[in-house]
């Protein structure tokens, strides 16, 4: 089933405050998609900033869950022994997500890699949903925060992080964080419109070129949107 590629075809990473989206989170046996497996998937469907649906399941990884993983997420071999395997549940998650923008914390370099590899292995397809990574969003909106783990962002906004490191709980926590970050982002973009690519809506980042610094689309080379500093 495993299909792993260093190059993954992802959607655009957006820096936007949306009213409709799907927030999701995974728990895994470790941090390496090429060898580790998903052991829990959860997602919340949000419409007009309100949660209207949820998807949540444990997953039998077909391998021993290392003690280091259990120490973080408290999921044991016994808990997943009779649960479905990824081949049985991945379709349900992808159907739940549909074409919505996906929201999650550190999904750019972690959760999406696991989902994309699993989808390629099970269905031979990419997952090209655009997405918002609240880790990047928090770094932009809260530049003075000492650390940017989900619990740190939640604590900043007074959001309870009780039950963190279980997928559904993390979705609930992160949905609250995204809504709070979004309000900051809206105010920031009133005075910094260069933060959004004028061509595709993805996040703009500072780049250096032949004629000095400029803002370029973070989705380069698929998008070549630019703004002057």
C-alpha atoms as a PDB file:
ATOM      1  CA  UNK A   1       0.000   0.000   0.000  1.00  0.00           C
ATOM      2  CA  UNK A   2       2.799   2.415   0.859  1.00  0.00           C
ATOM      3  CA  UNK A   3       3.702   4.847  -1.908  1.00  0.00           C
ATOM      4  CA  UNK A   4       6.259   7.443  -0.914  1.00  0.00           C
ATOM      5  CA  UNK A   5       7.714  10.300  -2.915  1.00  0.00           C
ATOM      6  CA  UNK A   6      10.013  13.098  -1.827  1.00  0.00           C
ATOM      7  CA  UNK A   7       8.035  15.396  -4.133  1.00  0.00           C
ATOM      8  CA  UNK A   8       4.350  15.614  -3.205  1.00  0.00           C
ATOM      9  CA  UNK A   9       1.718  17.433  -5.232  1.00  0.00           C
ATOM     10  CA  UNK A  10      -0.079  19.651  -2.737  1.00  0.00           C
ATOM     11  CA  UNK A  11      -2.639  22.393  -3.102  1.00  0.00           C
ATOM     12  CA  UNK A  12      -1.814  26.027  -2.402  1.00  0.00           C
ATOM     13  CA  UNK A  13      -0.887  27.095   1.121  1.00  0.00           C
ATOM     14  CA  UNK A  14      -3.223  30.008   1.823  1.00  0.00           C
ATOM     15  CA  UNK A  15      -3.017  32.806   4.349  1.00  0.00           C
ATOM     16  CA  UNK A  16      -6.716  33.560   4.624  1.00  0.00           C
ATOM     17  CA  UNK A  17      -9.512  33.740   7.164  1.00  0.00           C
ATOM     18  CA  UNK A  18     -12.312  31.643   5.722  1.00  0.00           C
ATOM     19  CA  UNK A  19     -15.858  31.051   6.908  1.00  0.00           C
ATOM     20  CA  UNK A  20     -16.137  27.550   5.371  1.00  0.00           C
ATOM     21  CA  UNK A  21     -13.408  24.907   5.735  1.00  0.00           C
ATOM     22  CA  UNK A  22     -12.495  21.506   7.167  1.00  0.00           C
ATOM     23  CA  UNK A  23     -10.054  21.381  10.076  1.00  0.00           C
ATOM     24  CA  UNK A  24      -8.268  18.042  10.467  1.00  0.00           C
ATOM     25  CA  UNK A  25      -5.617  16.313  12.523  1.00  0.00           C
ATOM     26  CA  UNK A  26      -3.797  12.991  12.604  1.00  0.00           C
ATOM     27  CA  UNK A  27      -2.098  10.865  15.209  1.00  0.00           C
ATOM     28  CA  UNK A  28       0.644   8.566  13.932  1.00  0.00           C
ATOM     29  CA  UNK A  29       3.157   5.947  15.041  1.00  0.00           C
ATOM     30  CA  UNK A  30       5.980   8.436  14.437  1.00  0.00           C
ATOM     31  CA  UNK A  31       7.095  11.418  12.411  1.00  0.00           C
ATOM     32  CA  UNK A  32       8.381   9.746   9.208  1.00  0.00           C
ATOM     33  CA  UNK A  33       5.707   9.202   6.529  1.00  0.00           C
ATOM     34  CA  UNK A  34       7.942   6.786   4.655  1.00  0.00           C
ATOM     35  CA  UNK A  35       7.927   4.271   7.547  1.00  0.00           C
ATOM     36  CA  UNK A  36       5.291   5.366  10.080  1.00  0.00           C
ATOM     37  CA  UNK A  37       1.513   4.942   9.899  1.00  0.00           C
ATOM     38  CA  UNK A  38      -1.662   6.847  10.723  1.00  0.00           C
ATOM     39  CA  UNK A  39      -3.420   5.620  13.867  1.00  0.00           C
ATOM     40  CA  UNK A  40      -6.171   8.249  14.172  1.00  0.00           C
ATOM     41  CA  UNK A  41      -7.911  10.665  11.799  1.00  0.00           C
ATOM     42  CA  UNK A  42     -10.341  13.387  12.830  1.00  0.00           C
ATOM     43  CA  UNK A  43     -11.928  16.311  11.035  1.00  0.00           C
ATOM     44  CA  UNK A  44     -14.532  19.000  11.632  1.00  0.00           C
ATOM     45  CA  UNK A  45     -16.622  20.594   8.888  1.00  0.00           C
ATOM     46  CA  UNK A  46     -17.107  24.320   9.477  1.00  0.00           C
ATOM     47  CA  UNK A  47     -19.719  26.497   7.793  1.00  0.00           C
ATOM     48  CA  UNK A  48     -20.078  30.218   8.542  1.00  0.00           C
ATOM     49  CA  UNK A  49     -17.506  29.751  11.324  1.00  0.00           C
ATOM     50  CA  UNK A  50     -19.615  27.097  13.083  1.00  0.00           C
ATOM     51  CA  UNK A  51     -18.926  23.362  13.403  1.00  0.00           C
ATOM     52  CA  UNK A  52     -21.625  21.456  11.529  1.00  0.00           C
ATOM     53  CA  UNK A  53     -20.137  17.965  11.176  1.00  0.00           C
ATOM     54  CA  UNK A  54     -17.358  15.686  12.356  1.00  0.00           C
ATOM     55  CA  UNK A  55     -15.375  12.668  11.219  1.00  0.00           C
ATOM     56  CA  UNK A  56     -13.314  10.662  13.699  1.00  0.00           C
ATOM     57  CA  UNK A  57     -11.842   7.172  13.732  1.00  0.00           C
ATOM     58  CA  UNK A  58      -8.969   5.182  15.129  1.00  0.00           C
ATOM     59  CA  UNK A  59      -6.934   3.270  12.550  1.00  0.00           C
ATOM     60  CA  UNK A  60      -5.201  -0.092  12.847  1.00  0.00           C
ATOM     61  CA  UNK A  61      -1.686   0.654  11.528  1.00  0.00           C
ATOM     62  CA  UNK A  62      -0.738  -2.992  11.038  1.00  0.00           C
ATOM     63  CA  UNK A  63       2.358  -2.423  13.158  1.00  0.00           C
ATOM     64  CA  UNK A  64       3.362  -2.009  16.771  1.00  0.00           C
ATOM     65  CA  UNK A  65       2.785   1.496  18.138  1.00  0.00           C
ATOM     66  CA  UNK A  66       6.113   2.586  19.675  1.00  0.00           C
ATOM     67  CA  UNK A  67       6.059   3.634  23.346  1.00  0.00           C
ATOM     68  CA  UNK A  68       7.306   7.080  22.286  1.00  0.00           C
ATOM     69  CA  UNK A  69       4.138   7.615  20.249  1.00  0.00           C
ATOM     70  CA  UNK A  70       1.849   6.262  22.967  1.00  0.00           C
ATOM     71  CA  UNK A  71       3.505   8.608  25.469  1.00  0.00           C
ATOM     72  CA  UNK A  72       2.299  11.550  23.344  1.00  0.00           C
ATOM     73  CA  UNK A  73      -1.142  10.481  22.103  1.00  0.00           C
ATOM     74  CA  UNK A  74      -2.017   7.756  24.660  1.00  0.00           C
ATOM     75  CA  UNK A  75      -3.107   5.400  21.865  1.00  0.00           C
ATOM     76  CA  UNK A  76      -2.088   1.780  22.462  1.00  0.00           C
ATOM     77  CA  UNK A  77      -1.956  -1.410  20.401  1.00  0.00           C
ATOM     78  CA  UNK A  78      -4.998  -2.740  22.273  1.00  0.00           C
ATOM     79  CA  UNK A  79      -7.029   0.350  21.357  1.00  0.00           C
ATOM     80  CA  UNK A  80      -6.497  -0.097  17.607  1.00  0.00           C
ATOM     81  CA  UNK A  81      -6.461  -3.915  17.426  1.00  0.00           C
ATOM     82  CA  UNK A  82     -10.070  -4.176  16.213  1.00  0.00           C
ATOM     83  CA  UNK A  83     -10.197  -0.872  14.337  1.00  0.00           C
ATOM     84  CA  UNK A  84     -10.299  -0.600  10.512  1.00  0.00           C
ATOM     85  CA  UNK A  85      -7.123  -0.165   8.491  1.00  0.00           C
ATOM     86  CA  UNK A  86      -6.309   2.947   6.489  1.00  0.00           C
ATOM     87  CA  UNK A  87      -7.580   1.327   3.273  1.00  0.00           C
ATOM     88  CA  UNK A  88     -11.048   1.159   4.861  1.00  0.00           C
ATOM     89  CA  UNK A  89     -11.254   4.663   6.356  1.00  0.00           C
ATOM     90  CA  UNK A  90      -9.277   6.936   4.059  1.00  0.00           C
ATOM     91  CA  UNK A  91     -12.081   7.158   1.500  1.00  0.00           C
ATOM     92  CA  UNK A  92     -14.475   8.304   4.207  1.00  0.00           C
ATOM     93  CA  UNK A  93     -12.123  11.061   5.287  1.00  0.00           C
ATOM     94  CA  UNK A  94     -11.489  12.268   1.730  1.00  0.00           C
ATOM     95  CA  UNK A  95     -15.235  12.268   1.026  1.00  0.00           C
ATOM     96  CA  UNK A  96     -15.830  14.250   4.219  1.00  0.00           C
ATOM     97  CA  UNK A  97     -13.165  16.795   3.245  1.00  0.00           C
ATOM     98  CA  UNK A  98     -14.417  17.067  -0.331  1.00  0.00           C
ATOM     99  CA  UNK A  99     -12.952  20.099  -2.086  1.00  0.00           C
ATOM    100  CA  UNK A 100     -12.892  22.230   1.057  1.00  0.00           C
ATOM    101  CA  UNK A 101      -9.857  24.175   2.150  1.00  0.00           C
ATOM    102  CA  UNK A 102      -8.115  22.142   4.849  1.00  0.00           C
ATOM    103  CA  UNK A 103      -7.014  23.806   8.089  1.00  0.00           C
ATOM    104  CA  UNK A 104      -4.541  22.293  10.522  1.00  0.00           C
ATOM    105  CA  UNK A 105      -1.491  22.953  12.652  1.00  0.00           C
ATOM    106  CA  UNK A 106       1.839  21.998  11.045  1.00  0.00           C
ATOM    107  CA  UNK A 107      -0.009  20.204   8.256  1.00  0.00           C
ATOM    108  CA  UNK A 108       2.291  21.602   5.560  1.00  0.00           C
ATOM    109  CA  UNK A 109       5.221  19.475   6.676  1.00  0.00           C
ATOM    110  CA  UNK A 110       3.472  16.694   8.633  1.00  0.00           C
ATOM    111  CA  UNK A 111      -0.214  15.728   8.367  1.00  0.00           C
ATOM    112  CA  UNK A 112      -0.606  16.450   4.662  1.00  0.00           C
ATOM    113  CA  UNK A 113       2.441  14.340   3.849  1.00  0.00           C
ATOM    114  CA  UNK A 114       0.880  11.341   5.600  1.00  0.00           C
ATOM    115  CA  UNK A 115      -2.495  11.888   3.909  1.00  0.00           C
ATOM    116  CA  UNK A 116      -0.990  12.377   0.456  1.00  0.00           C
ATOM    117  CA  UNK A 117       1.190   9.271   0.756  1.00  0.00           C
ATOM    118  CA  UNK A 118      -1.767   7.230   2.014  1.00  0.00           C
ATOM    119  CA  UNK A 119      -4.030   8.459  -0.812  1.00  0.00           C
ATOM    120  CA  UNK A 120      -1.371   7.638  -3.378  1.00  0.00           C
ATOM    121  CA  UNK A 121      -0.884   4.192  -1.880  1.00  0.00           C
ATOM    122  CA  UNK A 122      -4.575   3.325  -1.552  1.00  0.00           C
ATOM    123  CA  UNK A 123      -6.115   5.136  -4.533  1.00  0.00           C
ATOM    124  CA  UNK A 124      -3.141   6.162  -6.681  1.00  0.00           C
ATOM    125  CA  UNK A 125      -4.204   9.830  -6.459  1.00  0.00           C
ATOM    126  CA  UNK A 126      -2.998  13.123  -5.053  1.00  0.00           C
ATOM    127  CA  UNK A 127      -4.787  15.266  -2.490  1.00  0.00           C
ATOM    128  CA  UNK A 128      -4.769  18.749  -3.965  1.00  0.00           C
ATOM    129  CA  UNK A 129      -6.991  20.661  -1.544  1.00  0.00           C
ATOM    130  CA  UNK A 130      -5.753  24.159  -0.789  1.00  0.00           C
ATOM    131  CA  UNK A 131      -4.902  24.532   2.873  1.00  0.00           C
ATOM    132  CA  UNK A 132      -4.187  26.901   5.737  1.00  0.00           C
ATOM    133  CA  UNK A 133      -1.440  25.917   8.163  1.00  0.00           C
ATOM    134  CA  UNK A 134      -2.087  27.634  11.483  1.00  0.00           C
ATOM    135  CA  UNK A 135       1.560  27.186  12.472  1.00  0.00           C
ATOM    136  CA  UNK A 136       2.594  29.621   9.720  1.00  0.00           C
ATOM    137  CA  UNK A 137      -0.428  31.789  10.448  1.00  0.00           C
ATOM    138  CA  UNK A 138       0.482  32.032  14.143  1.00  0.00           C
ATOM    139  CA  UNK A 139       4.073  32.944  13.324  1.00  0.00           C
ATOM    140  CA  UNK A 140       2.791  35.779  11.149  1.00  0.00           C
ATOM    141  CA  UNK A 141       0.046  37.021  13.454  1.00  0.00           C
ATOM    142  CA  UNK A 142       1.792  36.473  16.803  1.00  0.00           C
ATOM    143  CA  UNK A 143       5.454  37.349  16.121  1.00  0.00           C
ATOM    144  CA  UNK A 144       6.299  37.771  19.818  1.00  0.00           C
ATOM    145  CA  UNK A 145       5.016  34.381  20.945  1.00  0.00           C
ATOM    146  CA  UNK A 146       7.990  32.392  22.353  1.00  0.00           C
ATOM    147  CA  UNK A 147       6.829  29.036  20.960  1.00  0.00           C
ATOM    148  CA  UNK A 148       4.266  27.953  18.385  1.00  0.00           C
ATOM    149  CA  UNK A 149       3.002  24.521  19.367  1.00  0.00           C
ATOM    150  CA  UNK A 150      -0.772  24.255  19.179  1.00  0.00           C
ATOM    151  CA  UNK A 151      -0.967  24.347  22.969  1.00  0.00           C
ATOM    152  CA  UNK A 152       1.090  27.566  23.032  1.00  0.00           C
ATOM    153  CA  UNK A 153      -1.244  29.268  20.559  1.00  0.00           C
ATOM    154  CA  UNK A 154      -4.289  27.989  22.451  1.00  0.00           C
ATOM    155  CA  UNK A 155      -2.940  29.267  25.760  1.00  0.00           C
ATOM    156  CA  UNK A 156      -2.336  32.685  24.205  1.00  0.00           C
ATOM    157  CA  UNK A 157      -6.025  32.933  23.306  1.00  0.00           C
ATOM    158  CA  UNK A 158      -7.259  31.411  26.568  1.00  0.00           C
ATOM    159  CA  UNK A 159      -8.471  28.273  24.786  1.00  0.00           C
ATOM    160  CA  UNK A 160      -8.355  25.103  26.884  1.00  0.00           C
ATOM    161  CA  UNK A 161      -5.828  22.568  25.602  1.00  0.00           C
ATOM    162  CA  UNK A 162      -7.166  19.749  27.781  1.00  0.00           C
ATOM    163  CA  UNK A 163      -7.134  16.520  25.791  1.00  0.00           C
ATOM    164  CA  UNK A 164      -4.504  17.715  23.331  1.00  0.00           C
ATOM    165  CA  UNK A 165      -2.736  15.094  21.190  1.00  0.00           C
ATOM    166  CA  UNK A 166      -5.905  13.194  20.403  1.00  0.00           C
ATOM    167  CA  UNK A 167      -6.997  14.028  16.902  1.00  0.00           C
ATOM    168  CA  UNK A 168     -10.574  15.189  17.502  1.00  0.00           C
ATOM    169  CA  UNK A 169      -9.622  17.258  20.542  1.00  0.00           C
ATOM    170  CA  UNK A 170      -6.837  18.901  18.554  1.00  0.00           C
ATOM    171  CA  UNK A 171      -9.334  19.739  15.817  1.00  0.00           C
ATOM    172  CA  UNK A 172     -11.598  21.482  18.321  1.00  0.00           C
ATOM    173  CA  UNK A 173      -8.673  23.361  19.842  1.00  0.00           C
ATOM    174  CA  UNK A 174      -7.303  24.390  16.471  1.00  0.00           C
ATOM    175  CA  UNK A 175     -10.677  25.519  15.151  1.00  0.00           C
ATOM    176  CA  UNK A 176     -10.818  27.975  18.033  1.00  0.00           C
ATOM    177  CA  UNK A 177      -7.244  29.094  17.376  1.00  0.00           C
ATOM    178  CA  UNK A 178      -7.914  29.591  13.655  1.00  0.00           C
ATOM    179  CA  UNK A 179     -10.958  31.737  14.354  1.00  0.00           C
ATOM    180  CA  UNK A 180      -8.944  33.888  16.768  1.00  0.00           C
ATOM    181  CA  UNK A 181      -5.960  34.147  14.425  1.00  0.00           C
ATOM    182  CA  UNK A 182      -8.289  35.019  11.567  1.00  0.00           C
ATOM    183  CA  UNK A 183      -9.559  38.123  13.320  1.00  0.00           C
ATOM    184  CA  UNK A 184      -5.964  39.309  13.778  1.00  0.00           C
ATOM    185  CA  UNK A 185      -5.197  38.523  10.150  1.00  0.00           C
ATOM    186  CA  UNK A 186      -8.145  40.583   8.898  1.00  0.00           C
ATOM    187  CA  UNK A 187      -6.920  43.625  10.801  1.00  0.00           C
ATOM    188  CA  UNK A 188      -3.357  43.096   9.622  1.00  0.00           C
ATOM    189  CA  UNK A 189      -4.340  42.794   5.984  1.00  0.00           C
ATOM    190  CA  UNK A 190      -6.098  46.148   6.131  1.00  0.00           C
ATOM    191  CA  UNK A 191      -2.653  47.751   6.425  1.00  0.00           C
ATOM    192  CA  UNK A 192      -0.576  45.003   4.738  1.00  0.00           C
ATOM    193  CA  UNK A 193      -2.438  43.950   1.563  1.00  0.00           C
ATOM    194  CA  UNK A 194       0.853  42.578   0.187  1.00  0.00           C
ATOM    195  CA  UNK A 195       0.408  39.539   2.443  1.00  0.00           C
ATOM    196  CA  UNK A 196      -1.951  37.952  -0.136  1.00  0.00           C
ATOM    197  CA  UNK A 197      -1.003  36.995  -3.703  1.00  0.00           C
ATOM    198  CA  UNK A 198      -3.057  39.088  -6.156  1.00  0.00           C
ATOM    199  CA  UNK A 199      -3.203  36.195  -8.643  1.00  0.00           C
ATOM    200  CA  UNK A 200      -4.097  33.121  -6.590  1.00  0.00           C
ATOM    201  CA  UNK A 201      -4.716  34.175  -2.998  1.00  0.00           C
ATOM    202  CA  UNK A 202      -1.799  32.234  -1.529  1.00  0.00           C
ATOM    203  CA  UNK A 203       0.541  33.683   1.082  1.00  0.00           C
ATOM    204  CA  UNK A 204       3.219  36.101  -0.140  1.00  0.00           C
ATOM    205  CA  UNK A 205       6.782  35.850   1.159  1.00  0.00           C
ATOM    206  CA  UNK A 206       9.776  38.158   0.882  1.00  0.00           C
ATOM    207  CA  UNK A 207      12.252  37.188  -1.816  1.00  0.00           C
ATOM    208  CA  UNK A 208      15.445  38.639  -3.230  1.00  0.00           C
ATOM    209  CA  UNK A 209      15.994  39.087  -6.955  1.00  0.00           C
ATOM    210  CA  UNK A 210      18.204  40.817  -9.471  1.00  0.00           C
ATOM    211  CA  UNK A 211      16.671  44.191  -8.632  1.00  0.00           C
ATOM    212  CA  UNK A 212      16.396  43.749  -4.865  1.00  0.00           C
ATOM    213  CA  UNK A 213      13.742  42.435  -2.487  1.00  0.00           C
ATOM    214  CA  UNK A 214      10.113  41.894  -3.472  1.00  0.00           C
ATOM    215  CA  UNK A 215       7.065  39.918  -2.379  1.00  0.00           C
ATOM    216  CA  UNK A 216       6.590  36.661  -4.296  1.00  0.00           C
ATOM    217  CA  UNK A 217       3.873  34.028  -4.168  1.00  0.00           C
ATOM    218  CA  UNK A 218       4.643  31.146  -1.835  1.00  0.00           C
ATOM    219  CA  UNK A 219       3.202  28.823  -4.497  1.00  0.00           C
ATOM    220  CA  UNK A 220       6.004  29.635  -6.962  1.00  0.00           C
ATOM    221  CA  UNK A 221       6.676  28.263  -9.588  1.00  0.00           C
ATOM    222  CA  UNK A 222       3.017  27.262 -10.105  1.00  0.00           C
ATOM    223  CA  UNK A 223       2.072  30.898  -9.531  1.00  0.00           C
ATOM    224  CA  UNK A 224       4.334  33.836 -10.394  1.00  0.00           C
ATOM    225  CA  UNK A 225       2.386  36.577  -8.613  1.00  0.00           C
ATOM    226  CA  UNK A 226       4.576  39.394  -7.221  1.00  0.00           C
ATOM    227  CA  UNK A 227       4.252  42.695  -5.395  1.00  0.00           C
ATOM    228  CA  UNK A 228       6.795  45.460  -4.883  1.00  0.00           C
ATOM    229  CA  UNK A 229       8.035  46.114  -1.394  1.00  0.00           C
END
